[in-house]
Amino acid sequence: MTLKIILLGIIFGIILQYAKLNKYNVISGLAILENLTVAKALAIAVGAGAILMSIETGLGFATYHIKPFLLVGIIAGGFIFGMGMAILGYCPGTMAVSLGEGSLDALIGILGGLTGGLVFTLILPAINGILGPDLGTISLMSFTGNNALFYIISVLLGGGFIWLAFFLHRKEKASDYKWLYTGLALAVLDGIIFLTSAFNRPIGASTSYPYMADLLTGTTSNDYFTAIQKPGHWEMLFLIGAVLAGLLNSINRKEFKLTLIHTNWERFKGKSPAKRIFWAFTGGFILLFGARMAGGCTSGHILSGGMQLAVSSLVFAVFVFAGLLITGKLFYKRT
């Protein structure tokens, strides 16, 4: 089972690398609206995935795993996550792939993320009451029931997300369609992992950070670690595979290179290593703290939750992009 999970992580990493979704320049480019690759790929993945998931559940091959709609956690956590994503230029899953490629700022971001995960574990008892109210596990199916209306609306909404991806592509006036194949591949991979005959769970990444941080520091005698132990272990193995994908693929292409300052960072923030290290750590901390407030990240909420047409995940996505774009506008100013 361990090897299977790592293999899935390798496939996940290769898929991300194909359209360069893991790259700092690509994700920070979205924050300043110069590169829409991530948004297009996610829209395709959610749209195609929503249709695929409705078919799988209708045939009894998969079940939904909806994240609860903790009102403050989803809204505030999503916005904070978007802020961290803009500053750091990575997501919890893409950091692992870029680490394998030699991105030192991804390593610093991971250290910040581990710290953020540990701090969240420690202060959760104090802030748990303000993350709600818990509105429950709300999705399209909970509104319509498992009937013909559900499948009709699923196809229509899925088609709407696919239309959005192509609309953004036309606005961007780009000719490269790697984002399309990457989005479809992510939907298929997540659909396979959702199968009850496979892993009966969604793709995810951020739970592994508090899991690993708590293990490393011995902070395991608490309810939160008990709750995240199983998914955290699964996601840790998955991200190990993602690191291997980044390493092996970059070596095979002769592109492995230790890098701290990327071109987008240099354009706006200069060449100071100390500045990049500080902001990479800070961004990683903010990113993971927001993810834990919301109970998920780009992989677990926007991709997997979006495919399930979960209200919590769709609202999370809105506030992630709000935090990302507002922070991008304020943070990336030419020096």
C-alpha atoms as a PDB file:
ATOM      1  CA  MET A   1       0.000   0.000   0.000  1.00  0.00           C
ATOM      2  CA  THR A   2       2.840   2.405   0.864  1.00  0.00           C
ATOM      3  CA  LEU A   3       4.438   1.969  -2.553  1.00  0.00           C
ATOM      4  CA  LYS A   4       1.097   2.485  -4.283  1.00  0.00           C
ATOM      5  CA  ILE A   5       0.577   5.799  -2.519  1.00  0.00           C
ATOM      6  CA  ILE A   6       4.102   6.957  -3.360  1.00  0.00           C
ATOM      7  CA  LEU A   7       3.537   5.923  -6.986  1.00  0.00           C
ATOM      8  CA  LEU A   8       0.352   8.010  -7.085  1.00  0.00           C
ATOM      9  CA  GLY A   9       2.363  10.922  -5.712  1.00  0.00           C
ATOM     10  CA  ILE A  10       4.909  10.469  -8.486  1.00  0.00           C
ATOM     11  CA  ILE A  11       2.131  10.527 -11.093  1.00  0.00           C
ATOM     12  CA  PHE A  12       0.666  13.637  -9.426  1.00  0.00           C
ATOM     13  CA  GLY A  13       4.048  15.355  -9.565  1.00  0.00           C
ATOM     14  CA  ILE A  14       4.603  14.485 -13.220  1.00  0.00           C
ATOM     15  CA  ILE A  15       1.152  15.832 -14.093  1.00  0.00           C
ATOM     16  CA  LEU A  16       1.916  19.136 -12.362  1.00  0.00           C
ATOM     17  CA  GLN A  17       5.304  19.393 -14.034  1.00  0.00           C
ATOM     18  CA  TYR A  18       3.825  18.889 -17.503  1.00  0.00           C
ATOM     19  CA  ALA A  19       2.115  22.304 -17.416  1.00  0.00           C
ATOM     20  CA  LYS A  20       4.613  23.744 -14.898  1.00  0.00           C
ATOM     21  CA  LEU A  21       1.866  24.221 -12.309  1.00  0.00           C
ATOM     22  CA  ASN A  22       4.418  23.744  -9.554  1.00  0.00           C
ATOM     23  CA  LYS A  23       6.655  26.623 -10.644  1.00  0.00           C
ATOM     24  CA  TYR A  24       7.035  29.766  -8.562  1.00  0.00           C
ATOM     25  CA  ASN A  25       6.896  31.957 -11.665  1.00  0.00           C
ATOM     26  CA  VAL A  26       3.614  30.380 -12.765  1.00  0.00           C
ATOM     27  CA  ILE A  27       1.820  30.657  -9.397  1.00  0.00           C
ATOM     28  CA  SER A  28       3.134  34.139  -8.618  1.00  0.00           C
ATOM     29  CA  GLY A  29       2.233  35.025 -12.203  1.00  0.00           C
ATOM     30  CA  LEU A  30      -1.387  34.205 -11.369  1.00  0.00           C
ATOM     31  CA  ALA A  31      -1.221  36.500  -8.320  1.00  0.00           C
ATOM     32  CA  ILE A  32      -0.383  39.415 -10.635  1.00  0.00           C
ATOM     33  CA  LEU A  33      -2.687  38.187 -13.437  1.00  0.00           C
ATOM     34  CA  GLU A  34       0.151  37.612 -15.881  1.00  0.00           C
ATOM     35  CA  ASN A  35      -0.235  33.837 -16.052  1.00  0.00           C
ATOM     36  CA  LEU A  36      -3.605  32.063 -15.862  1.00  0.00           C
ATOM     37  CA  THR A  37      -2.317  28.499 -16.262  1.00  0.00           C
ATOM     38  CA  VAL A  38      -3.191  27.419 -12.705  1.00  0.00           C
ATOM     39  CA  ALA A  39      -6.700  28.890 -12.859  1.00  0.00           C
ATOM     40  CA  LYS A  40      -7.403  27.265 -16.224  1.00  0.00           C
ATOM     41  CA  ALA A  41      -6.114  23.845 -15.170  1.00  0.00           C
ATOM     42  CA  LEU A  42      -8.108  23.915 -11.929  1.00  0.00           C
ATOM     43  CA  ALA A  43     -11.281  24.977 -13.735  1.00  0.00           C
ATOM     44  CA  ILE A  44     -10.916  22.107 -16.214  1.00  0.00           C
ATOM     45  CA  ALA A  45     -10.128  19.634 -13.416  1.00  0.00           C
ATOM     46  CA  VAL A  46     -13.133  20.726 -11.338  1.00  0.00           C
ATOM     47  CA  GLY A  47     -15.484  20.771 -14.337  1.00  0.00           C
ATOM     48  CA  ALA A  48     -14.470  17.422 -15.784  1.00  0.00           C
ATOM     49  CA  GLY A  49     -14.075  15.977 -12.290  1.00  0.00           C
ATOM     50  CA  ALA A  50     -17.583  17.013 -11.224  1.00  0.00           C
ATOM     51  CA  ILE A  51     -19.046  15.123 -14.191  1.00  0.00           C
ATOM     52  CA  LEU A  52     -16.780  12.134 -13.543  1.00  0.00           C
ATOM     53  CA  MET A  53     -17.653  12.047  -9.831  1.00  0.00           C
ATOM     54  CA  SER A  54     -21.386  12.162 -10.539  1.00  0.00           C
ATOM     55  CA  ILE A  55     -20.980   9.136 -12.817  1.00  0.00           C
ATOM     56  CA  GLU A  56     -18.833   7.232 -10.299  1.00  0.00           C
ATOM     57  CA  THR A  57     -21.197   7.863  -7.397  1.00  0.00           C
ATOM     58  CA  GLY A  58     -24.242   7.125  -9.530  1.00  0.00           C
ATOM     59  CA  LEU A  59     -22.802   3.726 -10.439  1.00  0.00           C
ATOM     60  CA  GLY A  60     -21.862   3.063  -6.818  1.00  0.00           C
ATOM     61  CA  PHE A  61     -18.126   3.073  -7.544  1.00  0.00           C
ATOM     62  CA  ALA A  62     -17.251   6.023  -5.277  1.00  0.00           C
ATOM     63  CA  THR A  63     -18.558   8.017  -2.320  1.00  0.00           C
ATOM     64  CA  TYR A  64     -18.327  11.682  -1.462  1.00  0.00           C
ATOM     65  CA  HIS A  65     -16.002  12.988   1.251  1.00  0.00           C
ATOM     66  CA  ILE A  66     -17.293  16.517   1.847  1.00  0.00           C
ATOM     67  CA  LYS A  67     -15.393  18.870   4.138  1.00  0.00           C
ATOM     68  CA  PRO A  68     -17.569  20.631   6.735  1.00  0.00           C
ATOM     69  CA  PHE A  69     -18.501  24.246   6.145  1.00  0.00           C
ATOM     70  CA  LEU A  70     -16.914  25.939   9.172  1.00  0.00           C
ATOM     71  CA  LEU A  71     -17.992  29.462   8.284  1.00  0.00           C
ATOM     72  CA  VAL A  72     -15.116  31.516   9.753  1.00  0.00           C
ATOM     73  CA  GLY A  73     -12.552  28.795   9.096  1.00  0.00           C
ATOM     74  CA  ILE A  74     -13.480  28.525   5.423  1.00  0.00           C
ATOM     75  CA  ILE A  75     -13.707  32.264   4.753  1.00  0.00           C
ATOM     76  CA  ALA A  76     -10.803  33.529   6.862  1.00  0.00           C
ATOM     77  CA  GLY A  77      -8.696  30.430   6.246  1.00  0.00           C
ATOM     78  CA  GLY A  78      -9.254  30.686   2.502  1.00  0.00           C
ATOM     79  CA  PHE A  79      -8.235  34.348   2.411  1.00  0.00           C
ATOM     80  CA  ILE A  80      -5.143  33.702   4.566  1.00  0.00           C
ATOM     81  CA  PHE A  81      -4.226  30.714   2.386  1.00  0.00           C
ATOM     82  CA  GLY A  82      -4.452  32.939  -0.703  1.00  0.00           C
ATOM     83  CA  MET A  83      -2.165  35.494   0.939  1.00  0.00           C
ATOM     84  CA  GLY A  84       0.430  32.819   1.682  1.00  0.00           C
ATOM     85  CA  MET A  85       0.119  31.380  -1.816  1.00  0.00           C
ATOM     86  CA  ALA A  86       0.839  34.795  -3.360  1.00  0.00           C
ATOM     87  CA  ILE A  87       3.844  35.533  -1.137  1.00  0.00           C
ATOM     88  CA  LEU A  88       5.347  32.053  -1.276  1.00  0.00           C
ATOM     89  CA  GLY A  89       4.471  31.229  -4.883  1.00  0.00           C
ATOM     90  CA  TYR A  90       3.654  27.612  -4.064  1.00  0.00           C
ATOM     91  CA  CYS A  91       0.831  25.445  -2.711  1.00  0.00           C
ATOM     92  CA  PRO A  92       1.336  22.628  -0.169  1.00  0.00           C
ATOM     93  CA  GLY A  93       1.533  20.046  -2.974  1.00  0.00           C
ATOM     94  CA  THR A  94       3.537  22.068  -5.493  1.00  0.00           C
ATOM     95  CA  MET A  95       6.194  22.851  -2.879  1.00  0.00           C
ATOM     96  CA  ALA A  96       7.056  19.153  -2.762  1.00  0.00           C
ATOM     97  CA  VAL A  97       7.469  18.900  -6.539  1.00  0.00           C
ATOM     98  CA  SER A  98       9.581  22.067  -6.731  1.00  0.00           C
ATOM     99  CA  LEU A  99      11.741  20.872  -3.836  1.00  0.00           C
ATOM    100  CA  GLY A 100      12.580  17.824  -5.933  1.00  0.00           C
ATOM    101  CA  GLU A 101      13.594  20.134  -8.771  1.00  0.00           C
ATOM    102  CA  GLY A 102      16.035  21.979  -6.494  1.00  0.00           C
ATOM    103  CA  SER A 103      14.010  25.055  -5.490  1.00  0.00           C
ATOM    104  CA  LEU A 104      15.497  26.141  -2.187  1.00  0.00           C
ATOM    105  CA  ASP A 105      12.692  28.619  -1.536  1.00  0.00           C
ATOM    106  CA  ALA A 106      10.281  25.674  -1.663  1.00  0.00           C
ATOM    107  CA  LEU A 107      12.356  24.015   1.067  1.00  0.00           C
ATOM    108  CA  ILE A 108      12.160  27.198   3.159  1.00  0.00           C
ATOM    109  CA  GLY A 109       8.421  27.323   2.498  1.00  0.00           C
ATOM    110  CA  ILE A 110       8.057  23.733   3.688  1.00  0.00           C
ATOM    111  CA  LEU A 111       9.862  24.630   6.923  1.00  0.00           C
ATOM    112  CA  GLY A 112       7.492  27.569   7.330  1.00  0.00           C
ATOM    113  CA  GLY A 113       4.558  25.275   6.613  1.00  0.00           C
ATOM    114  CA  LEU A 114       5.688  22.749   9.201  1.00  0.00           C
ATOM    115  CA  THR A 115       5.965  25.563  11.736  1.00  0.00           C
ATOM    116  CA  GLY A 116       2.517  26.824  10.804  1.00  0.00           C
ATOM    117  CA  GLY A 117       1.106  23.318  11.178  1.00  0.00           C
ATOM    118  CA  LEU A 118       2.695  22.913  14.606  1.00  0.00           C
ATOM    119  CA  VAL A 119       1.466  26.298  15.828  1.00  0.00           C
ATOM    120  CA  PHE A 120      -2.042  25.462  14.627  1.00  0.00           C
ATOM    121  CA  THR A 121      -1.959  22.202  16.598  1.00  0.00           C
ATOM    122  CA  LEU A 122      -0.875  24.046  19.730  1.00  0.00           C
ATOM    123  CA  ILE A 123      -3.411  26.872  19.593  1.00  0.00           C
ATOM    124  CA  LEU A 124      -6.382  24.962  18.141  1.00  0.00           C
ATOM    125  CA  PRO A 125      -8.013  24.388  21.553  1.00  0.00           C
ATOM    126  CA  ALA A 126      -8.019  28.158  22.076  1.00  0.00           C
ATOM    127  CA  ILE A 127      -9.376  29.132  18.633  1.00  0.00           C
ATOM    128  CA  ASN A 128     -11.605  26.145  17.899  1.00  0.00           C
ATOM    129  CA  GLY A 129     -14.705  27.973  19.061  1.00  0.00           C
ATOM    130  CA  ILE A 130     -14.247  30.873  16.622  1.00  0.00           C
ATOM    131  CA  LEU A 131     -13.794  28.744  13.479  1.00  0.00           C
ATOM    132  CA  GLY A 132     -17.509  27.992  13.270  1.00  0.00           C
ATOM    133  CA  PRO A 133     -20.400  27.908  13.151  1.00  0.00           C
ATOM    134  CA  ASP A 134     -20.357  24.473  11.524  1.00  0.00           C
ATOM    135  CA  LEU A 135     -22.950  24.544   8.747  1.00  0.00           C
ATOM    136  CA  GLY A 136     -22.401  20.866   7.976  1.00  0.00           C
ATOM    137  CA  THR A 137     -21.273  18.923   4.925  1.00  0.00           C
ATOM    138  CA  ILE A 138     -23.221  20.777   2.247  1.00  0.00           C
ATOM    139  CA  SER A 139     -23.005  19.839  -1.421  1.00  0.00           C
ATOM    140  CA  LEU A 140     -25.171  19.798  -4.518  1.00  0.00           C
ATOM    141  CA  MET A 141     -26.303  16.281  -3.629  1.00  0.00           C
ATOM    142  CA  SER A 142     -27.425  17.380  -0.167  1.00  0.00           C
ATOM    143  CA  PHE A 143     -29.686  19.967  -1.833  1.00  0.00           C
ATOM    144  CA  THR A 144     -31.113  17.803  -4.614  1.00  0.00           C
ATOM    145  CA  GLY A 145     -30.737  14.251  -3.364  1.00  0.00           C
ATOM    146  CA  ASN A 146     -29.387  11.433  -5.506  1.00  0.00           C
ATOM    147  CA  ASN A 147     -31.759  11.811  -8.415  1.00  0.00           C
ATOM    148  CA  ALA A 148     -31.958  12.901 -12.050  1.00  0.00           C
ATOM    149  CA  LEU A 149     -31.881  16.579 -11.111  1.00  0.00           C
ATOM    150  CA  PHE A 150     -28.545  16.083  -9.380  1.00  0.00           C
ATOM    151  CA  TYR A 151     -26.943  14.567 -12.478  1.00  0.00           C
ATOM    152  CA  ILE A 152     -28.369  17.218 -14.786  1.00  0.00           C
ATOM    153  CA  ILE A 153     -27.092  20.076 -12.617  1.00  0.00           C
ATOM    154  CA  SER A 154     -23.718  18.322 -12.147  1.00  0.00           C
ATOM    155  CA  VAL A 155     -23.230  18.170 -15.910  1.00  0.00           C
ATOM    156  CA  LEU A 156     -24.344  21.787 -16.333  1.00  0.00           C
ATOM    157  CA  LEU A 157     -22.050  23.070 -13.564  1.00  0.00           C
ATOM    158  CA  GLY A 158     -19.197  20.898 -14.819  1.00  0.00           C
ATOM    159  CA  GLY A 159     -19.715  22.325 -18.279  1.00  0.00           C
ATOM    160  CA  GLY A 160     -19.733  25.820 -16.783  1.00  0.00           C
ATOM    161  CA  PHE A 161     -16.305  25.313 -15.216  1.00  0.00           C
ATOM    162  CA  ILE A 162     -14.977  23.931 -18.505  1.00  0.00           C
ATOM    163  CA  TRP A 163     -16.386  26.977 -20.332  1.00  0.00           C
ATOM    164  CA  LEU A 164     -14.687  29.238 -17.751  1.00  0.00           C
ATOM    165  CA  ALA A 165     -11.325  27.598 -18.458  1.00  0.00           C
ATOM    166  CA  PHE A 166     -11.606  28.235 -22.191  1.00  0.00           C
ATOM    167  CA  PHE A 167     -12.918  31.756 -21.571  1.00  0.00           C
ATOM    168  CA  LEU A 168      -9.799  32.524 -19.511  1.00  0.00           C
ATOM    169  CA  HIS A 169      -7.663  30.962 -22.231  1.00  0.00           C
ATOM    170  CA  ARG A 170      -9.148  33.267 -24.840  1.00  0.00           C
ATOM    171  CA  LYS A 171      -8.663  36.273 -22.579  1.00  0.00           C
ATOM    172  CA  GLU A 172      -5.029  35.295 -22.031  1.00  0.00           C
ATOM    173  CA  LYS A 173      -4.519  34.871 -25.803  1.00  0.00           C
ATOM    174  CA  ALA A 174      -2.213  31.903 -25.192  1.00  0.00           C
ATOM    175  CA  SER A 175      -1.554  29.072 -27.628  1.00  0.00           C
ATOM    176  CA  ASP A 176      -0.263  26.386 -25.254  1.00  0.00           C
ATOM    177  CA  TYR A 177      -2.853  23.735 -24.254  1.00  0.00           C
ATOM    178  CA  LYS A 178      -0.793  21.834 -21.699  1.00  0.00           C
ATOM    179  CA  TRP A 179      -3.077  23.232 -18.977  1.00  0.00           C
ATOM    180  CA  LEU A 180      -5.993  21.385 -20.601  1.00  0.00           C
ATOM    181  CA  TYR A 181      -4.311  17.978 -20.549  1.00  0.00           C
ATOM    182  CA  THR A 182      -3.002  18.588 -17.034  1.00  0.00           C
ATOM    183  CA  GLY A 183      -6.464  19.523 -15.744  1.00  0.00           C
ATOM    184  CA  LEU A 184      -8.052  16.448 -17.297  1.00  0.00           C
ATOM    185  CA  ALA A 185      -5.288  14.227 -15.908  1.00  0.00           C
ATOM    186  CA  LEU A 186      -5.774  15.654 -12.398  1.00  0.00           C
ATOM    187  CA  ALA A 187      -9.515  14.951 -12.600  1.00  0.00           C
ATOM    188  CA  VAL A 188      -8.904  11.349 -13.687  1.00  0.00           C
ATOM    189  CA  LEU A 189      -6.231  10.761 -11.028  1.00  0.00           C
ATOM    190  CA  ASP A 190      -8.457  12.151  -8.276  1.00  0.00           C
ATOM    191  CA  GLY A 191     -11.394  10.142  -9.622  1.00  0.00           C
ATOM    192  CA  ILE A 192      -9.323   6.957  -9.359  1.00  0.00           C
ATOM    193  CA  ILE A 193      -8.270   7.752  -5.780  1.00  0.00           C
ATOM    194  CA  PHE A 194     -11.925   8.397  -4.859  1.00  0.00           C
ATOM    195  CA  LEU A 195     -12.950   4.883  -5.957  1.00  0.00           C
ATOM    196  CA  THR A 196     -14.037   2.666  -3.071  1.00  0.00           C
ATOM    197  CA  SER A 197     -12.080  -0.172  -4.677  1.00  0.00           C
ATOM    198  CA  ALA A 198      -8.939   1.995  -4.593  1.00  0.00           C
ATOM    199  CA  PHE A 199      -8.416   4.431  -1.684  1.00  0.00           C
ATOM    200  CA  ASN A 200     -11.907   5.822  -1.031  1.00  0.00           C
ATOM    201  CA  ARG A 201     -10.557   9.289  -0.278  1.00  0.00           C
ATOM    202  CA  PRO A 202      -9.662  12.494  -2.113  1.00  0.00           C
ATOM    203  CA  ILE A 203      -6.270  13.869  -3.068  1.00  0.00           C
ATOM    204  CA  GLY A 204      -4.894  16.152  -0.363  1.00  0.00           C
ATOM    205  CA  ALA A 205      -1.617  17.648   0.821  1.00  0.00           C
ATOM    206  CA  SER A 206      -1.852  20.129   3.700  1.00  0.00           C
ATOM    207  CA  THR A 207      -2.754  17.644   6.468  1.00  0.00           C
ATOM    208  CA  SER A 208       0.701  16.124   6.106  1.00  0.00           C
ATOM    209  CA  TYR A 209       2.361  19.297   7.438  1.00  0.00           C
ATOM    210  CA  PRO A 210       0.925  19.351  10.981  1.00  0.00           C
ATOM    211  CA  TYR A 211       1.181  15.553  10.987  1.00  0.00           C
ATOM    212  CA  MET A 212       4.916  15.630  10.260  1.00  0.00           C
ATOM    213  CA  ALA A 213       5.536  18.643  12.516  1.00  0.00           C
ATOM    214  CA  ASP A 214       3.731  17.008  15.432  1.00  0.00           C
ATOM    215  CA  LEU A 215       5.671  13.780  14.916  1.00  0.00           C
ATOM    216  CA  LEU A 216       9.021  15.592  14.740  1.00  0.00           C
ATOM    217  CA  THR A 217       8.346  17.568  17.924  1.00  0.00           C
ATOM    218  CA  GLY A 218       6.548  14.841  19.839  1.00  0.00           C
ATOM    219  CA  THR A 219       3.333  16.888  19.939  1.00  0.00           C
ATOM    220  CA  THR A 220       1.117  13.855  19.529  1.00  0.00           C
ATOM    221  CA  SER A 221      -0.862  13.679  22.777  1.00  0.00           C
ATOM    222  CA  ASN A 222      -3.769  15.778  21.582  1.00  0.00           C
ATOM    223  CA  ASP A 223      -7.109  15.277  19.868  1.00  0.00           C
ATOM    224  CA  TYR A 224      -6.040  17.075  16.704  1.00  0.00           C
ATOM    225  CA  PHE A 225      -3.116  14.746  16.013  1.00  0.00           C
ATOM    226  CA  THR A 226      -5.374  11.756  16.633  1.00  0.00           C
ATOM    227  CA  ALA A 227      -7.858  13.126  14.080  1.00  0.00           C
ATOM    228  CA  ILE A 228      -5.248  13.827  11.385  1.00  0.00           C
ATOM    229  CA  GLN A 229      -2.994  10.822  11.947  1.00  0.00           C
ATOM    230  CA  LYS A 230      -4.441   8.594   9.238  1.00  0.00           C
ATOM    231  CA  PRO A 231      -4.943  11.209   6.480  1.00  0.00           C
ATOM    232  CA  GLY A 232      -1.687  12.921   7.449  1.00  0.00           C
ATOM    233  CA  HIS A 233       0.298   9.715   6.987  1.00  0.00           C
ATOM    234  CA  TRP A 234      -1.348   9.045   3.613  1.00  0.00           C
ATOM    235  CA  GLU A 235      -0.609  12.562   2.385  1.00  0.00           C
ATOM    236  CA  MET A 236       2.982  12.416   3.647  1.00  0.00           C
ATOM    237  CA  LEU A 237       3.621   9.337   1.504  1.00  0.00           C
ATOM    238  CA  PHE A 238       1.834  11.012  -1.414  1.00  0.00           C
ATOM    239  CA  LEU A 239       4.088  14.079  -1.149  1.00  0.00           C
ATOM    240  CA  ILE A 240       7.191  11.904  -0.909  1.00  0.00           C
ATOM    241  CA  GLY A 241       6.165  10.619  -4.323  1.00  0.00           C
ATOM    242  CA  ALA A 242       5.716  14.208  -5.534  1.00  0.00           C
ATOM    243  CA  VAL A 243       9.268  15.070  -4.397  1.00  0.00           C
ATOM    244  CA  LEU A 244      10.592  12.016  -6.238  1.00  0.00           C
ATOM    245  CA  ALA A 245       8.714  13.072  -9.369  1.00  0.00           C
ATOM    246  CA  GLY A 246      10.317  16.504  -9.249  1.00  0.00           C
ATOM    247  CA  LEU A 247      13.772  15.035  -8.669  1.00  0.00           C
ATOM    248  CA  LEU A 248      13.693  12.231 -11.227  1.00  0.00           C
ATOM    249  CA  ASN A 249      11.969  14.225 -13.937  1.00  0.00           C
ATOM    250  CA  SER A 250      14.289  17.213 -13.592  1.00  0.00           C
ATOM    251  CA  ILE A 251      17.370  14.994 -13.597  1.00  0.00           C
ATOM    252  CA  ASN A 252      16.089  13.129 -16.645  1.00  0.00           C
ATOM    253  CA  ARG A 253      15.544  16.441 -18.463  1.00  0.00           C
ATOM    254  CA  LYS A 254      18.868  17.792 -17.165  1.00  0.00           C
ATOM    255  CA  GLU A 255      16.981  20.671 -15.564  1.00  0.00           C
ATOM    256  CA  PHE A 256      17.781  20.046 -11.884  1.00  0.00           C
ATOM    257  CA  LYS A 257      19.158  23.248 -10.404  1.00  0.00           C
ATOM    258  CA  LEU A 258      19.447  24.671  -6.905  1.00  0.00           C
ATOM    259  CA  THR A 259      17.501  27.935  -7.083  1.00  0.00           C
ATOM    260  CA  LEU A 260      16.529  30.468  -4.452  1.00  0.00           C
ATOM    261  CA  ILE A 261      15.733  33.599  -6.480  1.00  0.00           C
ATOM    262  CA  HIS A 262      13.327  33.093  -9.386  1.00  0.00           C
ATOM    263  CA  THR A 263      12.892  35.639 -12.172  1.00  0.00           C
ATOM    264  CA  ASN A 264       9.495  36.904 -11.003  1.00  0.00           C
ATOM    265  CA  TRP A 265      10.841  37.455  -7.505  1.00  0.00           C
ATOM    266  CA  GLU A 266      13.879  39.303  -8.859  1.00  0.00           C
ATOM    267  CA  ARG A 267      11.634  41.573 -10.977  1.00  0.00           C
ATOM    268  CA  PHE A 268       9.725  42.826  -7.974  1.00  0.00           C
ATOM    269  CA  LYS A 269      11.839  42.106  -4.890  1.00  0.00           C
ATOM    270  CA  GLY A 270      15.447  42.086  -6.037  1.00  0.00           C
ATOM    271  CA  LYS A 271      18.236  39.583  -5.542  1.00  0.00           C
ATOM    272  CA  SER A 272      18.596  39.572  -1.739  1.00  0.00           C
ATOM    273  CA  PRO A 273      18.735  35.940  -0.495  1.00  0.00           C
ATOM    274  CA  ALA A 274      17.806  37.044   3.037  1.00  0.00           C
ATOM    275  CA  LYS A 275      14.639  38.743   1.808  1.00  0.00           C
ATOM    276  CA  ARG A 276      13.548  35.685  -0.189  1.00  0.00           C
ATOM    277  CA  ILE A 277      14.282  33.345   2.723  1.00  0.00           C
ATOM    278  CA  PHE A 278      12.279  35.521   5.130  1.00  0.00           C
ATOM    279  CA  TRP A 279       9.257  35.815   2.857  1.00  0.00           C
ATOM    280  CA  ALA A 280       9.355  32.163   1.762  1.00  0.00           C
ATOM    281  CA  PHE A 281       9.250  31.058   5.397  1.00  0.00           C
ATOM    282  CA  THR A 282       6.552  33.606   6.240  1.00  0.00           C
ATOM    283  CA  GLY A 283       4.502  32.665   3.186  1.00  0.00           C
ATOM    284  CA  GLY A 284       4.757  28.966   4.027  1.00  0.00           C
ATOM    285  CA  PHE A 285       3.646  29.623   7.600  1.00  0.00           C
ATOM    286  CA  ILE A 286       0.655  31.721   6.504  1.00  0.00           C
ATOM    287  CA  LEU A 287      -0.249  29.244   3.749  1.00  0.00           C
ATOM    288  CA  LEU A 288      -0.430  26.227   6.040  1.00  0.00           C
ATOM    289  CA  PHE A 289      -2.082  28.024   8.920  1.00  0.00           C
ATOM    290  CA  GLY A 290      -4.846  29.162   6.570  1.00  0.00           C
ATOM    291  CA  ALA A 291      -5.160  25.673   5.121  1.00  0.00           C
ATOM    292  CA  ARG A 292      -5.610  24.164   8.559  1.00  0.00           C
ATOM    293  CA  MET A 293      -8.185  26.773   9.535  1.00  0.00           C
ATOM    294  CA  ALA A 294     -10.193  25.792   6.460  1.00  0.00           C
ATOM    295  CA  GLY A 295      -9.448  22.073   6.715  1.00  0.00           C
ATOM    296  CA  GLY A 296      -7.868  21.777   3.268  1.00  0.00           C
ATOM    297  CA  CYS A 297      -5.839  23.367   0.494  1.00  0.00           C
ATOM    298  CA  THR A 298      -5.677  23.626  -3.287  1.00  0.00           C
ATOM    299  CA  SER A 299      -5.652  19.840  -3.646  1.00  0.00           C
ATOM    300  CA  GLY A 300      -8.051  18.818  -0.897  1.00  0.00           C
ATOM    301  CA  HIS A 301     -10.506  21.708  -1.144  1.00  0.00           C
ATOM    302  CA  ILE A 302     -10.431  23.393  -4.568  1.00  0.00           C
ATOM    303  CA  LEU A 303      -9.662  20.288  -6.656  1.00  0.00           C
ATOM    304  CA  SER A 304     -11.193  17.424  -4.681  1.00  0.00           C
ATOM    305  CA  GLY A 305     -13.943  19.443  -3.018  1.00  0.00           C
ATOM    306  CA  GLY A 306     -14.767  21.251  -6.230  1.00  0.00           C
ATOM    307  CA  MET A 307     -15.170  17.916  -8.024  1.00  0.00           C
ATOM    308  CA  GLN A 308     -17.745  16.995  -5.365  1.00  0.00           C
ATOM    309  CA  LEU A 309     -19.483  20.374  -5.804  1.00  0.00           C
ATOM    310  CA  ALA A 310     -19.072  20.934  -2.073  1.00  0.00           C
ATOM    311  CA  VAL A 311     -20.236  24.354  -0.894  1.00  0.00           C
ATOM    312  CA  SER A 312     -17.393  24.649   1.640  1.00  0.00           C
ATOM    313  CA  SER A 313     -14.793  24.028  -1.059  1.00  0.00           C
ATOM    314  CA  LEU A 314     -16.323  26.367  -3.631  1.00  0.00           C
ATOM    315  CA  VAL A 315     -16.559  29.180  -1.062  1.00  0.00           C
ATOM    316  CA  PHE A 316     -12.988  28.429   0.013  1.00  0.00           C
ATOM    317  CA  ALA A 317     -11.852  28.777  -3.617  1.00  0.00           C
ATOM    318  CA  VAL A 318     -13.501  32.203  -3.932  1.00  0.00           C
ATOM    319  CA  PHE A 319     -11.708  33.542  -0.867  1.00  0.00           C
ATOM    320  CA  VAL A 320      -8.397  31.927  -1.845  1.00  0.00           C
ATOM    321  CA  PHE A 321      -8.439  33.794  -5.147  1.00  0.00           C
ATOM    322  CA  ALA A 322      -9.499  36.993  -3.363  1.00  0.00           C
ATOM    323  CA  GLY A 323      -6.563  36.712  -0.950  1.00  0.00           C
ATOM    324  CA  LEU A 324      -4.204  35.732  -3.775  1.00  0.00           C
ATOM    325  CA  LEU A 325      -5.101  38.641  -6.072  1.00  0.00           C
ATOM    326  CA  ILE A 326      -5.303  41.327  -3.394  1.00  0.00           C
ATOM    327  CA  THR A 327      -1.977  40.250  -1.900  1.00  0.00           C
ATOM    328  CA  GLY A 328      -0.435  39.966  -5.351  1.00  0.00           C
ATOM    329  CA  LYS A 329      -1.432  43.538  -6.155  1.00  0.00           C
ATOM    330  CA  LEU A 330      -0.060  44.890  -2.880  1.00  0.00           C
ATOM    331  CA  PHE A 331       2.991  42.679  -2.438  1.00  0.00           C
ATOM    332  CA  TYR A 332       4.448  42.615  -5.941  1.00  0.00           C
ATOM    333  CA  LYS A 333       5.444  46.177  -6.598  1.00  0.00           C
ATOM    334  CA  ARG A 334       8.563  46.973  -8.566  1.00  0.00           C
ATOM    335  CA  THR A 335      11.549  48.042  -6.484  1.00  0.00           C
END
